[in-house]
Amino acid sequence: MIDSHAHLDFPEFDIDRAELFAQMRLAGINNVVLPGVSALHWRNQLKVAEQYQCLYALGIHPWYCGHAADIDSGLKSLRTLLLTYKDNSQLVAIGECGLDKLHKSDFDTQLKVFTAQIELAAEFELPLIIHAVKAHEEVIKLLKILKPSKKGVIHGFYGGPELASQYVNLGYKVGVGGLLLNDNAPKLQQTVAQLPLDSFVLETDSPAMTPKNSQNRRNTPLILPDILQKMADLQKKSAVLISEQMFSNVTQLFDL
């Protein structure tokens, strides 16, 4: 298994990161993608990726768009970093980037930063890891206009089959995580039950998106087997088949 989205470089994992990676290996989780979120986080993210041989993406999360005056320098720094690491096989995507209408960040600034990162994805021929909250119409519009060649994944998806199909028809995967385990996620469960298996990749968004029935406050990639089993139940297929298909999907998405 590969966790296609987990922030294991975040401080929440400083106390037991080595132990967690050992537990992941025992559970059959042989890699993880660390998404980038901001210039303040990139250095530590790259350090953790190198130490534990993780896959990673570089990007600016909409929560970290900041003030318009800082944006040009942030995007310039991102492009410089991408030039530095473009030949590193662990760099697999641009992101986490996107749009979030529930966050206080200025939406016009978010649009500018997201548009620039779609253009960087085209320039560096990398897929996108996209964060979309209450802004799917705008995200889909931009993806249709700019048409990046490598496509990507809609991270933390929680919508219904109709919305998911719009992304899948554009060539994007849908990131399915711990929300699937919540009883109050009927739309997402319907999406997983109805769409073809090649539409999805597994993720956790650790340390966030902890399932509601979890006894742990901090989410980790160790819930991946539970997500797999839930997908198997919804699809009425074996967990082995689901696991093989999810591995195939993520290796295809990130060209591993």
Protein backbone atom coordinates (compact mmCIF):
# COMPACT_ATOMS: atom_id res chain seq x y z
CA MET A 1 0.00 0.00 0.00
CA ILE A 2 0.97 3.63 -0.61
CA ASP A 3 -0.61 6.52 1.29
CA SER A 4 -1.00 9.11 -1.47
CA HIS A 5 -1.38 12.01 0.99
CA ALA A 6 -0.01 12.26 4.53
CA HIS A 7 1.76 15.15 6.26
CA LEU A 8 4.20 13.01 8.25
CA ASP A 9 6.66 15.91 8.31
CA PHE A 10 4.30 17.90 10.58
CA PRO A 11 5.29 18.46 14.24
CA GLU A 12 2.56 16.07 15.44
CA PHE A 13 4.88 13.22 14.39
CA ASP A 14 8.13 14.54 15.88
CA ILE A 15 7.80 12.39 19.00
CA ASP A 16 7.47 8.98 17.31
CA ARG A 17 8.11 9.32 13.56
CA ALA A 18 10.66 6.49 13.35
CA GLU A 19 8.39 4.15 15.29
CA LEU A 20 5.43 5.01 13.04
CA PHE A 21 7.41 4.26 9.86
CA ALA A 22 8.42 0.90 11.35
CA GLN A 23 4.77 0.13 12.12
CA MET A 24 3.78 1.15 8.59
CA ARG A 25 6.28 -1.27 7.07
CA LEU A 26 4.91 -4.09 9.22
CA ALA A 27 1.39 -3.21 8.05
CA GLY A 28 2.39 -3.40 4.37
CA ILE A 29 2.48 0.37 3.79
CA ASN A 30 5.70 0.70 1.83
CA ASN A 31 5.59 4.39 0.93
CA VAL A 32 3.82 7.68 1.46
CA VAL A 33 3.50 10.96 -0.46
CA LEU A 34 4.31 14.04 1.64
CA PRO A 35 2.47 17.03 0.14
CA GLY A 36 3.98 20.50 0.38
CA VAL A 37 2.01 23.29 2.04
CA SER A 38 4.20 26.41 2.30
CA ALA A 39 7.71 27.83 2.08
CA LEU A 40 7.95 27.66 5.88
CA HIS A 41 7.41 23.89 5.75
CA TRP A 42 9.43 22.84 2.68
CA ARG A 43 12.82 22.50 4.35
CA ASN A 44 11.62 20.11 7.06
CA GLN A 45 9.41 18.28 4.56
CA LEU A 46 12.41 17.60 2.32
CA LYS A 47 14.49 16.55 5.33
CA VAL A 48 11.88 13.98 6.42
CA ALA A 49 11.42 12.78 2.82
CA GLU A 50 15.16 12.18 2.49
CA GLN A 51 15.51 10.51 5.89
CA TYR A 52 12.64 8.05 5.34
CA GLN A 53 12.82 7.82 1.53
CA CYS A 54 9.31 9.21 1.07
CA LEU A 55 7.75 10.42 -2.12
CA TYR A 56 6.81 14.10 -1.99
CA ALA A 57 5.11 17.00 -3.73
CA LEU A 58 5.98 20.69 -3.58
CA GLY A 59 3.33 23.37 -3.47
CA ILE A 60 1.46 26.15 -1.69
CA HIS A 61 -1.73 25.14 0.13
CA PRO A 62 -4.64 27.63 -0.11
CA TRP A 63 -4.55 28.04 3.69
CA TYR A 64 -1.02 29.43 3.35
CA CYS A 65 -1.61 31.90 0.53
CA GLY A 66 -1.03 34.84 2.88
CA HIS A 67 -1.00 38.39 1.61
CA ALA A 68 -0.95 39.27 -2.07
CA ALA A 69 2.42 41.03 -1.62
CA ASP A 70 4.05 37.76 -0.54
CA ILE A 71 2.63 35.67 -3.35
CA ASP A 72 5.06 36.49 -6.14
CA SER A 73 8.07 35.75 -3.94
CA GLY A 74 6.47 32.52 -2.73
CA LEU A 75 5.76 31.31 -6.26
CA LYS A 76 9.26 32.32 -7.34
CA SER A 77 10.73 30.30 -4.45
CA LEU A 78 8.54 27.33 -5.40
CA ARG A 79 9.74 27.39 -9.01
CA THR A 80 13.37 27.65 -7.86
CA LEU A 81 12.89 24.63 -5.59
CA LEU A 82 11.25 22.67 -8.40
CA LEU A 83 14.21 23.43 -10.65
CA THR A 84 16.55 22.20 -7.91
CA TYR A 85 14.72 18.90 -7.36
CA LYS A 86 13.20 18.23 -10.80
CA ASP A 87 15.52 15.27 -11.43
CA ASN A 88 14.89 13.73 -8.00
CA SER A 89 12.73 10.61 -8.46
CA GLN A 90 11.05 11.22 -5.07
CA LEU A 91 9.44 14.43 -6.39
CA VAL A 92 6.18 13.18 -7.90
CA ALA A 93 3.69 16.09 -7.97
CA ILE A 94 2.85 19.76 -7.55
CA GLY A 95 0.75 20.47 -4.48
CA GLU A 96 -1.00 20.51 -2.19
CA CYS A 97 -2.67 23.38 -4.01
CA GLY A 98 -6.22 24.44 -4.76
CA LEU A 99 -9.15 26.52 -3.53
CA ASP A 100 -10.97 26.66 -0.19
CA LYS A 101 -13.97 28.95 0.29
CA LEU A 102 -14.29 28.03 3.97
CA HIS A 103 -10.88 29.47 4.80
CA LYS A 104 -10.21 33.13 5.59
CA SER A 105 -7.51 33.45 2.89
CA ASP A 106 -8.46 35.96 0.19
CA PHE A 107 -10.15 33.96 -2.58
CA ASP A 108 -8.75 36.06 -5.45
CA THR A 109 -5.26 35.42 -4.07
CA GLN A 110 -6.06 31.71 -3.84
CA LEU A 111 -7.12 31.76 -7.51
CA LYS A 112 -3.88 33.43 -8.54
CA VAL A 113 -1.72 30.97 -6.58
CA PHE A 114 -3.65 27.91 -7.79
CA THR A 115 -3.53 29.07 -11.42
CA ALA A 116 0.23 29.59 -11.17
CA GLN A 117 0.70 26.09 -9.76
CA ILE A 118 -1.36 24.50 -12.55
CA GLU A 119 1.01 26.29 -14.94
CA LEU A 120 4.01 24.95 -13.00
CA ALA A 121 2.57 21.44 -13.24
CA ALA A 122 2.43 21.86 -17.02
CA GLU A 123 5.96 23.29 -17.15
CA PHE A 124 7.50 20.51 -15.06
CA GLU A 125 5.20 17.78 -16.42
CA LEU A 126 4.02 16.72 -12.97
CA PRO A 127 0.51 15.79 -11.75
CA LEU A 128 -1.41 17.98 -9.31
CA ILE A 129 -2.54 17.26 -5.74
CA ILE A 130 -5.65 19.42 -5.45
CA HIS A 131 -7.43 20.66 -2.32
CA ALA A 132 -11.01 21.71 -3.17
CA VAL A 133 -13.51 22.85 -0.53
CA LYS A 134 -16.79 24.49 -1.59
CA ALA A 135 -15.02 25.55 -4.80
CA HIS A 136 -15.44 22.64 -7.20
CA GLU A 137 -17.03 24.78 -9.89
CA GLU A 138 -14.01 27.09 -9.98
CA VAL A 139 -11.51 24.22 -9.80
CA ILE A 140 -13.15 22.35 -12.67
CA LYS A 141 -13.35 25.53 -14.75
CA LEU A 142 -9.62 26.22 -14.31
CA LEU A 143 -8.66 22.61 -15.11
CA LYS A 144 -10.74 22.73 -18.29
CA ILE A 145 -9.20 26.03 -19.38
CA LEU A 146 -5.55 25.27 -18.58
CA LYS A 147 -5.66 21.53 -19.44
CA PRO A 148 -2.50 20.30 -17.65
CA SER A 149 -1.23 17.17 -19.40
CA LYS A 150 -0.44 15.05 -16.31
CA LYS A 151 -3.78 15.54 -14.48
CA GLY A 152 -3.66 14.53 -10.77
CA VAL A 153 -5.81 13.78 -7.73
CA ILE A 154 -8.68 15.56 -5.98
CA HIS A 155 -7.54 15.13 -2.41
CA GLY A 156 -9.87 14.50 0.54
CA PHE A 157 -12.91 14.06 -1.68
CA TYR A 158 -16.24 13.80 0.15
CA GLY A 159 -18.82 14.49 -2.58
CA GLY A 160 -21.27 12.38 -4.53
CA PRO A 161 -20.91 10.30 -7.72
CA GLU A 162 -21.98 13.09 -10.08
CA LEU A 163 -19.27 15.48 -8.91
CA ALA A 164 -16.66 12.73 -8.75
CA SER A 165 -17.50 11.71 -12.32
CA GLN A 166 -16.82 15.24 -13.55
CA TYR A 167 -13.26 14.97 -12.25
CA VAL A 168 -12.77 11.38 -13.43
CA ASN A 169 -13.98 12.33 -16.93
CA LEU A 170 -11.27 15.01 -16.98
CA GLY A 171 -8.67 12.34 -16.17
CA TYR A 172 -8.30 12.94 -12.42
CA LYS A 173 -8.29 10.42 -9.58
CA VAL A 174 -10.38 10.85 -6.43
CA GLY A 175 -8.51 10.67 -3.11
CA VAL A 176 -10.40 8.53 -0.58
CA GLY A 177 -9.49 8.65 3.10
CA GLY A 178 -10.79 8.20 6.61
CA LEU A 179 -14.02 10.11 5.91
CA LEU A 180 -15.20 6.93 4.19
CA LEU A 181 -15.31 5.24 7.60
CA ASN A 182 -17.76 7.78 9.03
CA ASP A 183 -21.42 6.79 9.26
CA ASN A 184 -22.46 10.27 8.14
CA ALA A 185 -20.69 10.07 4.76
CA PRO A 186 -23.41 8.60 2.52
CA LYS A 187 -22.46 10.64 -0.57
CA LEU A 188 -18.83 9.53 -0.43
CA GLN A 189 -19.83 5.93 0.22
CA GLN A 190 -22.17 6.10 -2.76
CA THR A 191 -19.31 7.45 -4.89
CA VAL A 192 -17.02 4.58 -3.89
CA ALA A 193 -19.77 2.02 -4.50
CA GLN A 194 -20.67 3.32 -7.97
CA LEU A 195 -17.53 4.57 -9.71
CA PRO A 196 -15.00 2.24 -11.36
CA LEU A 197 -12.11 1.16 -9.16
CA ASP A 198 -9.56 2.90 -11.36
CA SER A 199 -11.09 6.23 -10.26
CA PHE A 200 -9.58 6.18 -6.75
CA VAL A 201 -6.37 6.41 -4.77
CA LEU A 202 -5.95 5.79 -1.04
CA GLU A 203 -4.94 8.56 1.34
CA THR A 204 -5.24 9.58 4.98
CA ASP A 205 -4.32 13.30 5.20
CA SER A 206 -2.57 12.42 8.48
CA PRO A 207 -2.55 13.89 11.08
CA ALA A 208 -5.95 15.37 10.05
CA MET A 209 -9.21 13.69 8.94
CA THR A 210 -9.27 11.18 11.78
CA PRO A 211 -12.37 8.94 11.44
CA LYS A 212 -15.05 9.79 13.99
CA ASN A 213 -15.03 6.31 15.53
CA SER A 214 -11.27 6.37 16.10
CA GLN A 215 -9.91 6.34 19.63
CA ASN A 216 -6.91 8.36 18.46
CA ARG A 217 -6.98 12.13 18.06
CA ARG A 218 -4.11 11.96 15.56
CA ASN A 219 -4.69 10.22 12.25
CA THR A 220 -1.94 8.01 10.75
CA PRO A 221 -1.44 5.89 7.61
CA LEU A 222 -2.11 2.81 9.77
CA ILE A 223 -5.85 3.22 9.01
CA LEU A 224 -5.28 2.37 5.32
CA PRO A 225 -6.27 -1.33 5.76
CA ASP A 226 -9.60 -0.18 7.28
CA ILE A 227 -10.25 2.12 4.31
CA LEU A 228 -9.40 -0.72 1.93
CA GLN A 229 -11.82 -3.06 3.67
CA LYS A 230 -14.59 -0.45 3.58
CA MET A 231 -14.02 0.04 -0.15
CA ALA A 232 -14.16 -3.74 -0.62
CA ASP A 233 -17.47 -3.90 1.27
CA LEU A 234 -18.97 -1.07 -0.77
CA GLN A 235 -17.75 -2.47 -4.08
CA LYS A 236 -18.64 -6.05 -3.07
CA LYS A 237 -15.16 -7.19 -4.10
CA SER A 238 -12.25 -8.78 -2.24
CA ALA A 239 -9.87 -6.59 -0.24
CA VAL A 240 -6.95 -8.19 -2.15
CA LEU A 241 -8.41 -7.03 -5.47
CA ILE A 242 -9.03 -3.53 -4.10
CA SER A 243 -5.48 -3.37 -2.73
CA GLU A 244 -3.93 -4.40 -6.03
CA GLN A 245 -6.02 -1.87 -7.96
CA MET A 246 -5.24 0.98 -5.54
CA PHE A 247 -1.53 0.22 -5.84
CA SER A 248 -1.81 0.21 -9.62
CA ASN A 249 -3.73 3.50 -9.59
CA VAL A 250 -1.22 5.37 -7.41
CA THR A 251 1.80 4.09 -9.35
CA GLN A 252 0.14 5.19 -12.58
CA LEU A 253 -0.86 8.59 -11.18
CA PHE A 254 2.63 9.46 -9.91
CA ASP A 255 4.53 7.57 -12.63
CA LEU A 256 6.36 5.39 -10.10
